[in-house]
């Protein structure tokens, strides 16, 4: 008997990549799966029912149960129809994986409003849209598992991804709040920050180089498959994970780590208001003394306040 026998799951963006791997493993573990994917390109353009249909066919061929759904998560009403598809097809919803996403990478000084809005709409608003509709049902039935997909781009930052990083950071915060909103009703909400070779990451280094952004190293990414990501998502969806709530897990290949929650790292305190002169002296010495600048200006650039090379 599978770990998810009798459960009903919705996986958004499940036609390819990480979403597909999650949907396939869910079905293998006994869940009935709504495979949601409008079949857009990595930039969110287009429409193709083929990817969702293909995953459903693969699941059914392997003896599992699945139905396809082609709605966009970016539209509030459409997201409601995604969740309703689970109820109409299988009578309930137990698990929601908010995985759908697109990319519109560009340096912030070149990014258009439309590129910002499109990415925020799919990732951040889409995660809210689906969660909002599913949470009503999960609260009523006193059971549910919500797994969101954040990213290192939001938790640490990647050049050229202001829209994507903002959305993924928002998803991390959203996860922690929803965990508090729903925990008392037997519903958990956690997130993963995966690294895997997918259609969205395959051309990332080349794309950034074309746009003048430094390409981050992607060592060993070929060994970090979408299938490596799926097991932790299945675990978080099981009954055994009832007491894991509001957490974020980094997942890459065979490595899984728990993200350190945002909390004060160092502190300076006085019995009154700090002066600017005191802060100029103490912040570099006590708060940020060994924390590197993630993108320092090059040595040849004259930067007010930076000691000259002759000063050491």
C-alpha atoms as a PDB file:
ATOM      1  CA  UNK A   1       0.000   0.000   0.000  1.00  0.00           C
ATOM      2  CA  UNK A   2       1.350   3.399  -1.018  1.00  0.00           C
ATOM      3  CA  UNK A   3       2.090   6.248   1.375  1.00  0.00           C
ATOM      4  CA  UNK A   4      -0.701   8.334  -0.192  1.00  0.00           C
ATOM      5  CA  UNK A   5      -3.315   5.667  -0.724  1.00  0.00           C
ATOM      6  CA  UNK A   6      -6.793   7.196  -0.751  1.00  0.00           C
ATOM      7  CA  UNK A   7      -5.529  10.783  -0.938  1.00  0.00           C
ATOM      8  CA  UNK A   8      -6.469  13.305  -3.633  1.00  0.00           C
ATOM      9  CA  UNK A   9      -3.774  15.689  -4.828  1.00  0.00           C
ATOM     10  CA  UNK A  10      -3.610  18.737  -7.078  1.00  0.00           C
ATOM     11  CA  UNK A  11      -0.222  19.531  -8.618  1.00  0.00           C
ATOM     12  CA  UNK A  12       0.052  22.755 -10.607  1.00  0.00           C
ATOM     13  CA  UNK A  13       2.555  23.056 -13.420  1.00  0.00           C
ATOM     14  CA  UNK A  14       2.651  19.264 -13.538  1.00  0.00           C
ATOM     15  CA  UNK A  15       3.101  18.801 -17.273  1.00  0.00           C
ATOM     16  CA  UNK A  16       6.885  18.963 -17.169  1.00  0.00           C
ATOM     17  CA  UNK A  17       9.904  19.060 -14.894  1.00  0.00           C
ATOM     18  CA  UNK A  18       9.540  19.031 -11.128  1.00  0.00           C
ATOM     19  CA  UNK A  19       5.734  19.143 -11.228  1.00  0.00           C
ATOM     20  CA  UNK A  20       5.606  16.105 -13.484  1.00  0.00           C
ATOM     21  CA  UNK A  21       7.998  14.166 -11.226  1.00  0.00           C
ATOM     22  CA  UNK A  22       5.863  15.003  -8.176  1.00  0.00           C
ATOM     23  CA  UNK A  23       2.620  14.013  -9.900  1.00  0.00           C
ATOM     24  CA  UNK A  24       4.108  10.723 -11.080  1.00  0.00           C
ATOM     25  CA  UNK A  25       5.406   9.783  -7.632  1.00  0.00           C
ATOM     26  CA  UNK A  26       2.155  10.849  -5.977  1.00  0.00           C
ATOM     27  CA  UNK A  27       0.268   8.460  -8.261  1.00  0.00           C
ATOM     28  CA  UNK A  28       2.821   5.725  -7.669  1.00  0.00           C
ATOM     29  CA  UNK A  29       2.202   6.117  -3.927  1.00  0.00           C
ATOM     30  CA  UNK A  30      -1.544   5.708  -4.417  1.00  0.00           C
ATOM     31  CA  UNK A  31      -2.863   9.279  -4.693  1.00  0.00           C
ATOM     32  CA  UNK A  32      -5.463  10.326  -7.236  1.00  0.00           C
ATOM     33  CA  UNK A  33      -3.919  13.286  -9.048  1.00  0.00           C
ATOM     34  CA  UNK A  34      -5.200  16.376 -10.828  1.00  0.00           C
ATOM     35  CA  UNK A  35      -2.430  17.203 -13.298  1.00  0.00           C
ATOM     36  CA  UNK A  36      -2.719  20.935 -13.911  1.00  0.00           C
ATOM     37  CA  UNK A  37      -0.774  22.572 -16.724  1.00  0.00           C
ATOM     38  CA  UNK A  38      -1.874  25.063 -19.400  1.00  0.00           C
ATOM     39  CA  UNK A  39       1.120  24.079 -21.490  1.00  0.00           C
ATOM     40  CA  UNK A  40       2.744  27.486 -21.759  1.00  0.00           C
ATOM     41  CA  UNK A  41       6.349  28.165 -22.660  1.00  0.00           C
ATOM     42  CA  UNK A  42       8.956  29.009 -20.006  1.00  0.00           C
ATOM     43  CA  UNK A  43       7.984  32.663 -20.446  1.00  0.00           C
ATOM     44  CA  UNK A  44       4.290  31.954 -19.923  1.00  0.00           C
ATOM     45  CA  UNK A  45       3.289  32.378 -23.561  1.00  0.00           C
ATOM     46  CA  UNK A  46       1.198  29.888 -25.539  1.00  0.00           C
ATOM     47  CA  UNK A  47      -1.171  27.078 -24.678  1.00  0.00           C
ATOM     48  CA  UNK A  48      -0.859  23.333 -25.209  1.00  0.00           C
ATOM     49  CA  UNK A  49      -2.913  20.571 -23.620  1.00  0.00           C
ATOM     50  CA  UNK A  50      -0.314  18.009 -24.618  1.00  0.00           C
ATOM     51  CA  UNK A  51       1.967  18.076 -21.548  1.00  0.00           C
ATOM     52  CA  UNK A  52      -0.845  17.551 -19.018  1.00  0.00           C
ATOM     53  CA  UNK A  53      -2.472  14.895 -21.181  1.00  0.00           C
ATOM     54  CA  UNK A  54       0.810  13.042 -21.573  1.00  0.00           C
ATOM     55  CA  UNK A  55       1.451  12.909 -17.821  1.00  0.00           C
ATOM     56  CA  UNK A  56      -2.093  11.658 -17.215  1.00  0.00           C
ATOM     57  CA  UNK A  57      -1.589   8.963 -19.834  1.00  0.00           C
ATOM     58  CA  UNK A  58       1.710   7.901 -18.216  1.00  0.00           C
ATOM     59  CA  UNK A  59       0.065   7.695 -14.800  1.00  0.00           C
ATOM     60  CA  UNK A  60      -2.864   5.686 -16.110  1.00  0.00           C
ATOM     61  CA  UNK A  61      -0.587   3.370 -18.087  1.00  0.00           C
ATOM     62  CA  UNK A  62       1.260   2.611 -14.848  1.00  0.00           C
ATOM     63  CA  UNK A  63      -2.008   1.734 -13.109  1.00  0.00           C
ATOM     64  CA  UNK A  64      -2.594   5.060 -11.379  1.00  0.00           C
ATOM     65  CA  UNK A  65      -5.496   7.494 -11.416  1.00  0.00           C
ATOM     66  CA  UNK A  66      -5.283  11.026 -12.792  1.00  0.00           C
ATOM     67  CA  UNK A  67      -7.189  13.700 -14.676  1.00  0.00           C
ATOM     68  CA  UNK A  68      -5.863  16.676 -16.614  1.00  0.00           C
ATOM     69  CA  UNK A  69      -6.665  20.327 -16.018  1.00  0.00           C
ATOM     70  CA  UNK A  70      -5.505  23.209 -18.226  1.00  0.00           C
ATOM     71  CA  UNK A  71      -6.456  26.314 -16.222  1.00  0.00           C
ATOM     72  CA  UNK A  72      -4.019  29.089 -15.297  1.00  0.00           C
ATOM     73  CA  UNK A  73      -3.232  29.626 -11.634  1.00  0.00           C
ATOM     74  CA  UNK A  74      -2.789  33.360 -12.257  1.00  0.00           C
ATOM     75  CA  UNK A  75      -6.542  33.935 -12.493  1.00  0.00           C
ATOM     76  CA  UNK A  76      -8.472  33.700  -9.212  1.00  0.00           C
ATOM     77  CA  UNK A  77     -11.607  32.126 -10.697  1.00  0.00           C
ATOM     78  CA  UNK A  78      -9.604  29.746 -12.868  1.00  0.00           C
ATOM     79  CA  UNK A  79      -7.647  28.633  -9.804  1.00  0.00           C
ATOM     80  CA  UNK A  80     -10.959  27.831  -8.141  1.00  0.00           C
ATOM     81  CA  UNK A  81     -11.797  25.573 -11.058  1.00  0.00           C
ATOM     82  CA  UNK A  82      -8.496  23.741 -10.587  1.00  0.00           C
ATOM     83  CA  UNK A  83      -9.401  22.864  -7.016  1.00  0.00           C
ATOM     84  CA  UNK A  84     -12.989  22.084  -8.014  1.00  0.00           C
ATOM     85  CA  UNK A  85     -11.661  19.601 -10.560  1.00  0.00           C
ATOM     86  CA  UNK A  86     -10.379  17.489  -7.666  1.00  0.00           C
ATOM     87  CA  UNK A  87     -13.733  17.609  -5.919  1.00  0.00           C
ATOM     88  CA  UNK A  88     -15.687  16.884  -9.101  1.00  0.00           C
ATOM     89  CA  UNK A  89     -13.419  14.005 -10.123  1.00  0.00           C
ATOM     90  CA  UNK A  90     -12.538  12.431  -6.782  1.00  0.00           C
ATOM     91  CA  UNK A  91     -14.827  13.942  -4.135  1.00  0.00           C
ATOM     92  CA  UNK A  92     -12.279  15.922  -2.082  1.00  0.00           C
ATOM     93  CA  UNK A  93      -8.821  17.485  -1.979  1.00  0.00           C
ATOM     94  CA  UNK A  94      -6.161  16.406   0.507  1.00  0.00           C
ATOM     95  CA  UNK A  95      -2.939  17.734  -1.012  1.00  0.00           C
ATOM     96  CA  UNK A  96      -2.038  20.872  -2.961  1.00  0.00           C
ATOM     97  CA  UNK A  97       1.366  21.426  -4.539  1.00  0.00           C
ATOM     98  CA  UNK A  98       1.826  24.992  -5.813  1.00  0.00           C
ATOM     99  CA  UNK A  99       4.511  24.401  -8.413  1.00  0.00           C
ATOM    100  CA  UNK A 100       3.446  26.375 -11.505  1.00  0.00           C
ATOM    101  CA  UNK A 101       5.929  28.999 -12.636  1.00  0.00           C
ATOM    102  CA  UNK A 102       7.357  31.046 -15.493  1.00  0.00           C
ATOM    103  CA  UNK A 103      10.497  33.097 -16.092  1.00  0.00           C
ATOM    104  CA  UNK A 104      10.964  36.604 -17.491  1.00  0.00           C
ATOM    105  CA  UNK A 105      14.582  37.184 -16.500  1.00  0.00           C
ATOM    106  CA  UNK A 106      16.011  40.671 -16.958  1.00  0.00           C
ATOM    107  CA  UNK A 107      18.224  43.026 -14.976  1.00  0.00           C
ATOM    108  CA  UNK A 108      16.090  45.282 -12.802  1.00  0.00           C
ATOM    109  CA  UNK A 109      17.049  48.453 -14.681  1.00  0.00           C
ATOM    110  CA  UNK A 110      15.727  46.916 -17.898  1.00  0.00           C
ATOM    111  CA  UNK A 111      12.723  45.020 -16.543  1.00  0.00           C
ATOM    112  CA  UNK A 112       9.317  46.089 -17.832  1.00  0.00           C
ATOM    113  CA  UNK A 113       6.208  46.376 -15.731  1.00  0.00           C
ATOM    114  CA  UNK A 114       4.622  43.588 -17.774  1.00  0.00           C
ATOM    115  CA  UNK A 115       7.576  41.268 -17.094  1.00  0.00           C
ATOM    116  CA  UNK A 116       7.262  41.990 -13.381  1.00  0.00           C
ATOM    117  CA  UNK A 117       3.495  41.547 -13.286  1.00  0.00           C
ATOM    118  CA  UNK A 118       3.482  38.311 -15.317  1.00  0.00           C
ATOM    119  CA  UNK A 119       5.930  36.506 -13.020  1.00  0.00           C
ATOM    120  CA  UNK A 120       4.341  37.773  -9.805  1.00  0.00           C
ATOM    121  CA  UNK A 121       0.902  36.742 -11.118  1.00  0.00           C
ATOM    122  CA  UNK A 122       1.869  33.124 -11.749  1.00  0.00           C
ATOM    123  CA  UNK A 123       4.186  32.452  -8.817  1.00  0.00           C
ATOM    124  CA  UNK A 124       2.974  34.565  -5.929  1.00  0.00           C
ATOM    125  CA  UNK A 125      -0.628  35.332  -6.777  1.00  0.00           C
ATOM    126  CA  UNK A 126      -1.064  31.851  -8.251  1.00  0.00           C
ATOM    127  CA  UNK A 127       0.119  30.289  -5.001  1.00  0.00           C
ATOM    128  CA  UNK A 128      -2.364  32.429  -3.083  1.00  0.00           C
ATOM    129  CA  UNK A 129      -5.190  31.735  -5.541  1.00  0.00           C
ATOM    130  CA  UNK A 130      -4.967  27.960  -5.322  1.00  0.00           C
ATOM    131  CA  UNK A 131      -4.267  27.953  -1.592  1.00  0.00           C
ATOM    132  CA  UNK A 132      -7.208  30.245  -0.911  1.00  0.00           C
ATOM    133  CA  UNK A 133      -9.673  27.933  -2.662  1.00  0.00           C
ATOM    134  CA  UNK A 134      -8.171  24.711  -1.276  1.00  0.00           C
ATOM    135  CA  UNK A 135      -7.891  26.036   2.291  1.00  0.00           C
ATOM    136  CA  UNK A 136     -11.645  26.462   2.628  1.00  0.00           C
ATOM    137  CA  UNK A 137     -12.188  22.768   1.942  1.00  0.00           C
ATOM    138  CA  UNK A 138      -9.201  21.615   3.977  1.00  0.00           C
ATOM    139  CA  UNK A 139     -10.346  23.652   6.971  1.00  0.00           C
ATOM    140  CA  UNK A 140     -13.813  22.159   6.754  1.00  0.00           C
ATOM    141  CA  UNK A 141     -12.524  18.594   6.620  1.00  0.00           C
ATOM    142  CA  UNK A 142      -9.866  19.265   9.294  1.00  0.00           C
ATOM    143  CA  UNK A 143      -7.112  17.844   7.117  1.00  0.00           C
ATOM    144  CA  UNK A 144      -4.767  18.991   4.385  1.00  0.00           C
ATOM    145  CA  UNK A 145      -1.224  19.238   3.124  1.00  0.00           C
ATOM    146  CA  UNK A 146      -0.005  22.284   1.179  1.00  0.00           C
ATOM    147  CA  UNK A 147       3.491  22.274  -0.318  1.00  0.00           C
ATOM    148  CA  UNK A 148       4.728  25.440  -2.014  1.00  0.00           C
ATOM    149  CA  UNK A 149       7.756  25.899  -4.245  1.00  0.00           C
ATOM    150  CA  UNK A 150      10.134  28.692  -3.283  1.00  0.00           C
ATOM    151  CA  UNK A 151      13.660  29.155  -4.664  1.00  0.00           C
ATOM    152  CA  UNK A 152      17.197  30.054  -3.716  1.00  0.00           C
ATOM    153  CA  UNK A 153      16.638  33.089  -5.944  1.00  0.00           C
ATOM    154  CA  UNK A 154      14.166  34.389  -3.383  1.00  0.00           C
ATOM    155  CA  UNK A 155      15.930  33.139  -0.265  1.00  0.00           C
ATOM    156  CA  UNK A 156      19.413  34.311  -1.235  1.00  0.00           C
ATOM    157  CA  UNK A 157      19.130  36.170  -4.545  1.00  0.00           C
ATOM    158  CA  UNK A 158      20.104  35.653  -8.188  1.00  0.00           C
ATOM    159  CA  UNK A 159      21.090  38.444 -10.553  1.00  0.00           C
ATOM    160  CA  UNK A 160      18.566  39.168 -13.276  1.00  0.00           C
ATOM    161  CA  UNK A 161      15.611  37.720 -11.367  1.00  0.00           C
ATOM    162  CA  UNK A 162      14.061  40.590  -9.404  1.00  0.00           C
ATOM    163  CA  UNK A 163      10.540  39.482 -10.358  1.00  0.00           C
ATOM    164  CA  UNK A 164      11.129  35.778  -9.785  1.00  0.00           C
ATOM    165  CA  UNK A 165      13.140  36.308  -6.597  1.00  0.00           C
ATOM    166  CA  UNK A 166      10.534  38.652  -5.126  1.00  0.00           C
ATOM    167  CA  UNK A 167       7.793  36.130  -5.870  1.00  0.00           C
ATOM    168  CA  UNK A 168       9.740  33.231  -4.384  1.00  0.00           C
ATOM    169  CA  UNK A 169      10.647  35.207  -1.259  1.00  0.00           C
ATOM    170  CA  UNK A 170       6.982  36.104  -0.965  1.00  0.00           C
ATOM    171  CA  UNK A 171       6.073  32.436  -1.200  1.00  0.00           C
ATOM    172  CA  UNK A 172       8.437  31.669   1.692  1.00  0.00           C
ATOM    173  CA  UNK A 173       6.747  34.273   3.856  1.00  0.00           C
ATOM    174  CA  UNK A 174       3.317  33.188   2.673  1.00  0.00           C
ATOM    175  CA  UNK A 175       4.147  29.602   3.668  1.00  0.00           C
ATOM    176  CA  UNK A 176       5.014  30.584   7.233  1.00  0.00           C
ATOM    177  CA  UNK A 177       1.835  32.624   7.647  1.00  0.00           C
ATOM    178  CA  UNK A 178      -0.480  30.014   6.128  1.00  0.00           C
ATOM    179  CA  UNK A 179       1.068  27.425   8.452  1.00  0.00           C
ATOM    180  CA  UNK A 180      -0.069  29.549  11.391  1.00  0.00           C
ATOM    181  CA  UNK A 181      -3.495  30.204   9.871  1.00  0.00           C
ATOM    182  CA  UNK A 182      -4.294  26.566   9.179  1.00  0.00           C
ATOM    183  CA  UNK A 183      -2.279  24.524  11.676  1.00  0.00           C
ATOM    184  CA  UNK A 184      -5.077  24.504  14.258  1.00  0.00           C
ATOM    185  CA  UNK A 185      -7.324  22.810  11.687  1.00  0.00           C
ATOM    186  CA  UNK A 186      -4.991  19.900  11.003  1.00  0.00           C
ATOM    187  CA  UNK A 187      -3.607  21.458   7.822  1.00  0.00           C
ATOM    188  CA  UNK A 188       0.129  21.900   7.287  1.00  0.00           C
ATOM    189  CA  UNK A 189       1.887  24.241   4.877  1.00  0.00           C
ATOM    190  CA  UNK A 190       5.550  23.798   3.983  1.00  0.00           C
ATOM    191  CA  UNK A 191       7.809  24.778   1.101  1.00  0.00           C
ATOM    192  CA  UNK A 192      10.731  23.446  -0.878  1.00  0.00           C
ATOM    193  CA  UNK A 193      13.503  25.375  -2.607  1.00  0.00           C
ATOM    194  CA  UNK A 194      14.647  22.928  -5.293  1.00  0.00           C
ATOM    195  CA  UNK A 195      17.643  22.870  -7.611  1.00  0.00           C
ATOM    196  CA  UNK A 196      17.198  20.614 -10.613  1.00  0.00           C
ATOM    197  CA  UNK A 197      17.894  20.525 -14.329  1.00  0.00           C
ATOM    198  CA  UNK A 198      14.586  21.397 -15.982  1.00  0.00           C
ATOM    199  CA  UNK A 199      13.354  23.245 -19.030  1.00  0.00           C
ATOM    200  CA  UNK A 200      13.406  26.467 -16.983  1.00  0.00           C
ATOM    201  CA  UNK A 201      17.020  26.095 -15.826  1.00  0.00           C
ATOM    202  CA  UNK A 202      18.589  24.507 -18.921  1.00  0.00           C
ATOM    203  CA  UNK A 203      19.303  27.790 -20.695  1.00  0.00           C
ATOM    204  CA  UNK A 204      19.676  29.974 -17.633  1.00  0.00           C
ATOM    205  CA  UNK A 205      23.436  30.575 -17.787  1.00  0.00           C
ATOM    206  CA  UNK A 206      23.364  31.348 -21.507  1.00  0.00           C
ATOM    207  CA  UNK A 207      20.370  33.671 -21.139  1.00  0.00           C
ATOM    208  CA  UNK A 208      21.999  35.641 -18.338  1.00  0.00           C
ATOM    209  CA  UNK A 209      25.243  35.947 -20.274  1.00  0.00           C
ATOM    210  CA  UNK A 210      23.320  37.373 -23.231  1.00  0.00           C
ATOM    211  CA  UNK A 211      21.701  39.960 -20.968  1.00  0.00           C
ATOM    212  CA  UNK A 212      24.900  41.001 -19.254  1.00  0.00           C
ATOM    213  CA  UNK A 213      24.256  39.303 -15.918  1.00  0.00           C
ATOM    214  CA  UNK A 214      26.868  37.055 -14.325  1.00  0.00           C
ATOM    215  CA  UNK A 215      25.981  33.399 -14.730  1.00  0.00           C
ATOM    216  CA  UNK A 216      25.940  31.568 -11.386  1.00  0.00           C
ATOM    217  CA  UNK A 217      27.782  28.272 -11.252  1.00  0.00           C
ATOM    218  CA  UNK A 218      25.559  25.247 -11.656  1.00  0.00           C
ATOM    219  CA  UNK A 219      27.900  22.441 -10.566  1.00  0.00           C
ATOM    220  CA  UNK A 220      26.468  18.960 -10.792  1.00  0.00           C
ATOM    221  CA  UNK A 221      23.073  20.200 -11.925  1.00  0.00           C
ATOM    222  CA  UNK A 222      22.842  17.379 -14.449  1.00  0.00           C
ATOM    223  CA  UNK A 223      22.785  14.966 -11.501  1.00  0.00           C
ATOM    224  CA  UNK A 224      20.041  17.011  -9.822  1.00  0.00           C
ATOM    225  CA  UNK A 225      16.954  15.726 -11.561  1.00  0.00           C
ATOM    226  CA  UNK A 226      13.304  16.586 -10.934  1.00  0.00           C
ATOM    227  CA  UNK A 227      12.902  13.027  -9.684  1.00  0.00           C
ATOM    228  CA  UNK A 228      15.339  13.810  -6.857  1.00  0.00           C
ATOM    229  CA  UNK A 229      12.942  16.516  -5.631  1.00  0.00           C
ATOM    230  CA  UNK A 230       9.741  14.449  -5.539  1.00  0.00           C
ATOM    231  CA  UNK A 231      10.361  12.193  -2.480  1.00  0.00           C
ATOM    232  CA  UNK A 232      10.510  15.026   0.074  1.00  0.00           C
ATOM    233  CA  UNK A 233       7.269  16.429  -1.355  1.00  0.00           C
ATOM    234  CA  UNK A 234       5.600  13.027  -0.978  1.00  0.00           C
ATOM    235  CA  UNK A 235       6.846  12.790   2.589  1.00  0.00           C
ATOM    236  CA  UNK A 236       5.524  16.251   3.480  1.00  0.00           C
ATOM    237  CA  UNK A 237       2.162  15.159   2.046  1.00  0.00           C
ATOM    238  CA  UNK A 238       1.903  12.054   4.226  1.00  0.00           C
ATOM    239  CA  UNK A 239       0.101  11.601   7.522  1.00  0.00           C
ATOM    240  CA  UNK A 240       3.479  10.997   9.180  1.00  0.00           C
ATOM    241  CA  UNK A 241       4.460  14.634   8.525  1.00  0.00           C
ATOM    242  CA  UNK A 242       1.563  15.944  10.634  1.00  0.00           C
ATOM    243  CA  UNK A 243       3.855  17.952  12.930  1.00  0.00           C
ATOM    244  CA  UNK A 244       6.058  19.549  10.254  1.00  0.00           C
ATOM    245  CA  UNK A 245       4.599  22.958   9.523  1.00  0.00           C
ATOM    246  CA  UNK A 246       5.872  26.303   8.230  1.00  0.00           C
ATOM    247  CA  UNK A 247       9.253  24.895   7.202  1.00  0.00           C
ATOM    248  CA  UNK A 248      11.336  25.367   4.062  1.00  0.00           C
ATOM    249  CA  UNK A 249      13.557  22.602   2.712  1.00  0.00           C
ATOM    250  CA  UNK A 250      16.392  23.005   0.214  1.00  0.00           C
ATOM    251  CA  UNK A 251      16.472  20.037  -2.160  1.00  0.00           C
ATOM    252  CA  UNK A 252      19.201  19.290  -4.702  1.00  0.00           C
ATOM    253  CA  UNK A 253      20.131  15.823  -5.904  1.00  0.00           C
ATOM    254  CA  UNK A 254      20.647  13.614  -2.873  1.00  0.00           C
ATOM    255  CA  UNK A 255      20.913  16.586  -0.513  1.00  0.00           C
ATOM    256  CA  UNK A 256      18.017  17.858   1.610  1.00  0.00           C
ATOM    257  CA  UNK A 257      18.485  20.578   4.193  1.00  0.00           C
ATOM    258  CA  UNK A 258      16.219  22.583   6.457  1.00  0.00           C
ATOM    259  CA  UNK A 259      16.430  26.333   5.858  1.00  0.00           C
ATOM    260  CA  UNK A 260      17.405  28.470   8.834  1.00  0.00           C
ATOM    261  CA  UNK A 261      14.458  30.659   9.716  1.00  0.00           C
ATOM    262  CA  UNK A 262      14.881  34.427   9.620  1.00  0.00           C
ATOM    263  CA  UNK A 263      15.759  35.574  13.125  1.00  0.00           C
ATOM    264  CA  UNK A 264      18.153  38.096  14.688  1.00  0.00           C
ATOM    265  CA  UNK A 265      21.730  36.960  14.145  1.00  0.00           C
ATOM    266  CA  UNK A 266      23.665  39.611  16.064  1.00  0.00           C
ATOM    267  CA  UNK A 267      22.566  42.528  18.181  1.00  0.00           C
ATOM    268  CA  UNK A 268      23.836  45.802  19.562  1.00  0.00           C
ATOM    269  CA  UNK A 269      21.860  47.444  22.348  1.00  0.00           C
ATOM    270  CA  UNK A 270      21.981  50.693  24.293  1.00  0.00           C
ATOM    271  CA  UNK A 271      19.630  52.458  26.658  1.00  0.00           C
ATOM    272  CA  UNK A 272      18.543  55.084  24.167  1.00  0.00           C
ATOM    273  CA  UNK A 273      18.652  56.093  20.528  1.00  0.00           C
ATOM    274  CA  UNK A 274      21.748  55.357  18.497  1.00  0.00           C
ATOM    275  CA  UNK A 275      23.625  58.168  16.803  1.00  0.00           C
ATOM    276  CA  UNK A 276      24.615  57.848  13.174  1.00  0.00           C
ATOM    277  CA  UNK A 277      28.273  58.159  14.157  1.00  0.00           C
ATOM    278  CA  UNK A 278      27.942  55.255  16.593  1.00  0.00           C
ATOM    279  CA  UNK A 279      26.273  53.103  13.934  1.00  0.00           C
ATOM    280  CA  UNK A 280      28.959  53.967  11.384  1.00  0.00           C
ATOM    281  CA  UNK A 281      31.519  52.671  13.858  1.00  0.00           C
ATOM    282  CA  UNK A 282      29.740  49.655  15.355  1.00  0.00           C
ATOM    283  CA  UNK A 283      27.696  48.152  12.489  1.00  0.00           C
ATOM    284  CA  UNK A 284      30.789  47.172  10.435  1.00  0.00           C
ATOM    285  CA  UNK A 285      32.653  46.040  13.566  1.00  0.00           C
ATOM    286  CA  UNK A 286      29.934  44.042  15.327  1.00  0.00           C
ATOM    287  CA  UNK A 287      27.015  43.287  12.978  1.00  0.00           C
ATOM    288  CA  UNK A 288      28.368  42.800   9.440  1.00  0.00           C
ATOM    289  CA  UNK A 289      32.123  42.398   9.985  1.00  0.00           C
ATOM    290  CA  UNK A 290      32.527  38.958   8.344  1.00  0.00           C
ATOM    291  CA  UNK A 291      29.490  38.906   6.053  1.00  0.00           C
ATOM    292  CA  UNK A 292      30.461  39.408   2.402  1.00  0.00           C
ATOM    293  CA  UNK A 293      28.783  41.782  -0.022  1.00  0.00           C
ATOM    294  CA  UNK A 294      27.102  39.452  -2.577  1.00  0.00           C
ATOM    295  CA  UNK A 295      27.898  41.837  -5.438  1.00  0.00           C
ATOM    296  CA  UNK A 296      30.690  44.285  -4.560  1.00  0.00           C
ATOM    297  CA  UNK A 297      31.664  47.011  -7.032  1.00  0.00           C
ATOM    298  CA  UNK A 298      34.816  46.252  -9.031  1.00  0.00           C
ATOM    299  CA  UNK A 299      38.134  47.580  -7.720  1.00  0.00           C
ATOM    300  CA  UNK A 300      38.473  50.079 -10.556  1.00  0.00           C
ATOM    301  CA  UNK A 301      35.207  51.803  -9.663  1.00  0.00           C
ATOM    302  CA  UNK A 302      35.587  54.788  -7.363  1.00  0.00           C
ATOM    303  CA  UNK A 303      33.181  54.235  -4.483  1.00  0.00           C
ATOM    304  CA  UNK A 304      32.638  57.001  -1.910  1.00  0.00           C
ATOM    305  CA  UNK A 305      33.380  55.663   1.548  1.00  0.00           C
ATOM    306  CA  UNK A 306      35.506  52.710   0.421  1.00  0.00           C
ATOM    307  CA  UNK A 307      39.151  52.883   1.537  1.00  0.00           C
ATOM    308  CA  UNK A 308      41.515  53.356  -1.358  1.00  0.00           C
ATOM    309  CA  UNK A 309      43.965  50.600  -2.158  1.00  0.00           C
ATOM    310  CA  UNK A 310      46.761  52.752  -0.839  1.00  0.00           C
ATOM    311  CA  UNK A 311      44.957  52.747   2.546  1.00  0.00           C
ATOM    312  CA  UNK A 312      44.876  48.976   2.562  1.00  0.00           C
END
